[in-house]
Protein backbone atom coordinates (compact mmCIF):
# COMPACT_ATOMS: atom_id res chain seq x y z
CA MET A 1 167.53 136.62 50.38
CA PHE A 2 167.21 134.47 53.46
CA HIS A 3 168.95 135.34 56.78
CA ASP A 4 170.11 132.22 58.58
CA LEU A 5 169.99 132.52 62.45
CA PRO A 6 171.41 129.69 64.55
CA ILE A 7 169.26 128.98 67.51
CA PRO A 8 171.24 126.82 70.10
CA ASP A 9 168.41 125.96 72.46
CA LEU A 10 164.95 126.62 73.66
CA ALA A 11 165.79 129.76 75.51
CA ALA A 12 167.24 131.22 72.29
CA THR A 13 163.95 130.50 70.57
CA GLU A 14 162.08 132.17 73.40
CA ALA A 15 164.31 135.26 73.33
CA PHE A 16 164.03 135.54 69.51
CA GLY A 17 160.30 135.22 69.63
CA ARG A 18 159.87 137.95 72.28
CA ARG A 19 162.19 140.24 70.40
CA LEU A 20 160.20 139.70 67.26
CA GLY A 21 156.85 140.10 69.00
CA ALA A 22 157.99 143.56 70.39
CA LEU A 23 158.79 144.75 66.96
CA LEU A 24 155.48 143.68 65.28
CA PHE A 25 152.92 146.17 63.95
CA PRO A 26 149.22 146.18 62.95
CA GLY A 27 148.90 144.08 59.84
CA ALA A 28 152.05 142.04 60.43
CA VAL A 29 151.98 138.50 59.04
CA ILE A 30 154.35 135.86 60.17
CA ALA A 31 154.43 132.73 58.06
CA LEU A 32 155.98 129.75 59.96
CA VAL A 33 157.21 126.65 58.04
CA GLY A 34 158.80 123.48 59.61
CA GLN A 35 158.25 119.87 60.06
CA LEU A 36 156.40 118.45 63.10
CA GLY A 37 158.22 119.07 66.30
CA ALA A 38 160.27 121.97 64.81
CA GLY A 39 158.98 124.35 67.35
CA LYS A 40 156.40 126.45 65.45
CA THR A 41 153.95 126.64 68.37
CA HIS A 42 156.78 127.34 70.89
CA LEU A 43 157.95 130.25 68.65
CA THR A 44 154.38 131.56 68.38
CA ARG A 45 153.97 131.57 72.20
CA ALA A 46 157.21 133.54 72.56
CA ILE A 47 156.10 136.01 69.87
CA ALA A 48 152.79 136.43 71.79
CA GLU A 49 154.80 137.07 74.95
CA GLY A 50 156.70 139.83 73.11
CA LEU A 51 153.28 141.18 72.08
CA GLU A 52 152.33 141.15 75.81
CA VAL A 53 149.70 138.47 75.58
CA LYS A 54 147.55 138.42 78.68
CA ASN A 55 147.85 134.62 79.25
CA PRO A 56 150.92 133.01 77.53
CA ALA A 57 149.95 129.48 78.65
CA ALA A 58 146.76 129.79 76.61
CA VAL A 59 148.84 129.88 73.34
CA ASN A 60 148.78 126.40 71.93
CA SER A 61 148.46 124.80 68.58
CA PRO A 62 145.08 125.54 66.91
CA THR A 63 145.26 122.33 64.76
CA PHE A 64 141.73 121.25 65.56
CA VAL A 65 140.03 124.65 65.74
CA LEU A 66 142.15 126.22 62.89
CA ILE A 67 142.38 129.60 64.41
CA GLN A 68 142.80 130.98 67.94
CA GLU A 69 142.60 134.66 68.87
CA TYR A 70 144.48 136.12 71.86
CA PRO A 71 144.25 139.53 73.39
CA ALA A 72 147.64 141.48 73.55
CA ARG A 73 149.13 144.88 72.75
CA LEU A 74 147.84 144.06 69.31
CA PRO A 75 145.22 141.27 68.73
CA ILE A 76 146.92 138.04 67.83
CA TYR A 77 145.33 135.69 65.21
CA HIS A 78 147.08 132.24 65.23
CA PHE A 79 146.25 130.01 62.28
CA ASP A 80 147.25 126.31 61.76
CA ALA A 81 146.98 125.10 58.10
CA TYR A 82 148.21 121.49 58.87
CA ARG A 83 144.72 119.76 58.57
CA LEU A 84 143.46 121.98 55.74
CA SER A 85 143.04 120.65 52.20
CA GLY A 86 144.70 123.60 50.62
CA PRO A 87 144.68 127.34 50.04
CA GLU A 88 141.01 127.54 49.15
CA GLU A 89 139.97 126.07 52.45
CA PHE A 90 142.23 128.51 54.26
CA ALA A 91 140.88 131.45 52.25
CA GLN A 92 137.31 130.44 53.28
CA LEU A 93 138.25 131.10 57.00
CA GLY A 94 138.19 134.79 56.10
CA THR A 95 141.96 135.13 56.29
CA ASP A 96 142.15 138.07 53.85
CA GLU A 97 140.09 140.16 56.37
CA TYR A 98 142.50 139.12 59.19
CA PHE A 99 145.49 139.97 57.02
CA ARG A 100 144.15 143.42 56.33
CA GLY A 101 143.18 144.05 59.95
CA ASP A 102 144.72 145.76 62.93
CA GLY A 103 146.25 142.62 64.42
CA VAL A 104 149.19 140.29 63.94
CA CYS A 105 148.63 137.02 62.02
CA ILE A 106 150.86 134.02 62.71
CA VAL A 107 150.33 131.10 60.26
CA GLU A 108 151.64 127.75 61.08
CA TRP A 109 152.31 125.36 58.08
CA ALA A 110 152.24 128.48 55.90
CA ASP A 111 153.93 126.57 53.06
CA LYS A 112 150.54 124.73 52.53
CA VAL A 113 148.72 127.92 51.93
CA GLU A 114 151.44 130.19 50.53
CA VAL A 115 149.49 131.57 47.62
CA THR A 116 146.94 133.09 50.03
CA LEU A 117 149.46 135.05 52.06
CA PRO A 118 149.87 138.74 51.47
CA GLN A 119 152.69 139.67 49.37
CA ASP A 120 154.38 141.45 52.32
CA HIS A 121 155.01 139.00 55.18
CA LEU A 122 157.91 137.59 57.23
CA ARG A 123 158.70 133.90 56.57
CA ILE A 124 160.47 131.84 59.07
CA GLU A 125 161.56 128.42 58.08
CA ILE A 126 162.59 126.31 61.06
CA GLU A 127 165.27 123.77 60.31
CA ILE A 128 165.92 121.06 62.97
CA VAL A 129 169.64 120.49 63.62
CA ASP A 130 169.19 118.17 66.60
CA GLU A 131 167.10 117.83 69.69
CA GLN A 132 167.98 121.20 71.01
CA ARG A 133 169.38 123.31 68.04
CA ARG A 134 167.53 124.90 65.17
CA VAL A 135 168.32 127.26 62.38
CA PHE A 136 165.88 129.91 61.53
CA HIS A 137 165.87 130.87 57.74
CA ILE A 138 164.14 134.22 57.78
CA LEU A 139 162.86 136.12 54.72
CA ALA A 140 161.05 139.38 54.58
CA THR A 141 158.89 139.52 51.40
CA GLY A 142 158.07 143.26 51.50
CA ALA A 143 158.97 146.70 52.59
CA ALA A 144 157.17 146.64 56.00
CA HIS A 145 158.74 143.37 57.18
CA GLN A 146 162.11 144.41 55.85
CA GLU A 147 162.32 146.92 58.69
CA THR A 148 161.38 144.22 61.18
CA LEU A 149 164.06 141.90 59.77
CA LYS A 150 166.84 144.57 59.98
CA SER A 151 166.05 144.98 63.57
CA LEU A 152 166.22 141.16 64.21
CA VAL A 153 169.53 140.37 62.60
């Protein structure tokens, strides 16, 4: 069941992302879904801040490189599936090894590669309400991420 969380402005996105990042654990997978301009990368930067990333300004969209890695409390692996042809191409990046690793994986445009995601992950669908406001529709698909979701809502 999705939990809907109204996000009134950018500051609320940042606060949510930092809280989420502080709760994440080795092997956590965050699947982000939303149209262009919804704020997926901005949310990713806030999550990275919650994970104590060394350089938050370095967190940007990996659209052209497909994956970015950032040192933090746990290694962060930031994927962007926007330009990929589909799940097969995504899997060829070695994503399964990343998903089973000791870091945190954040996948933008996760709906394009959903079949490759681990069964247990946290899905955040970002709905644009207007220029400032968003609604985060959050779903934990397994036991490990259920605990994270309980702490968030």
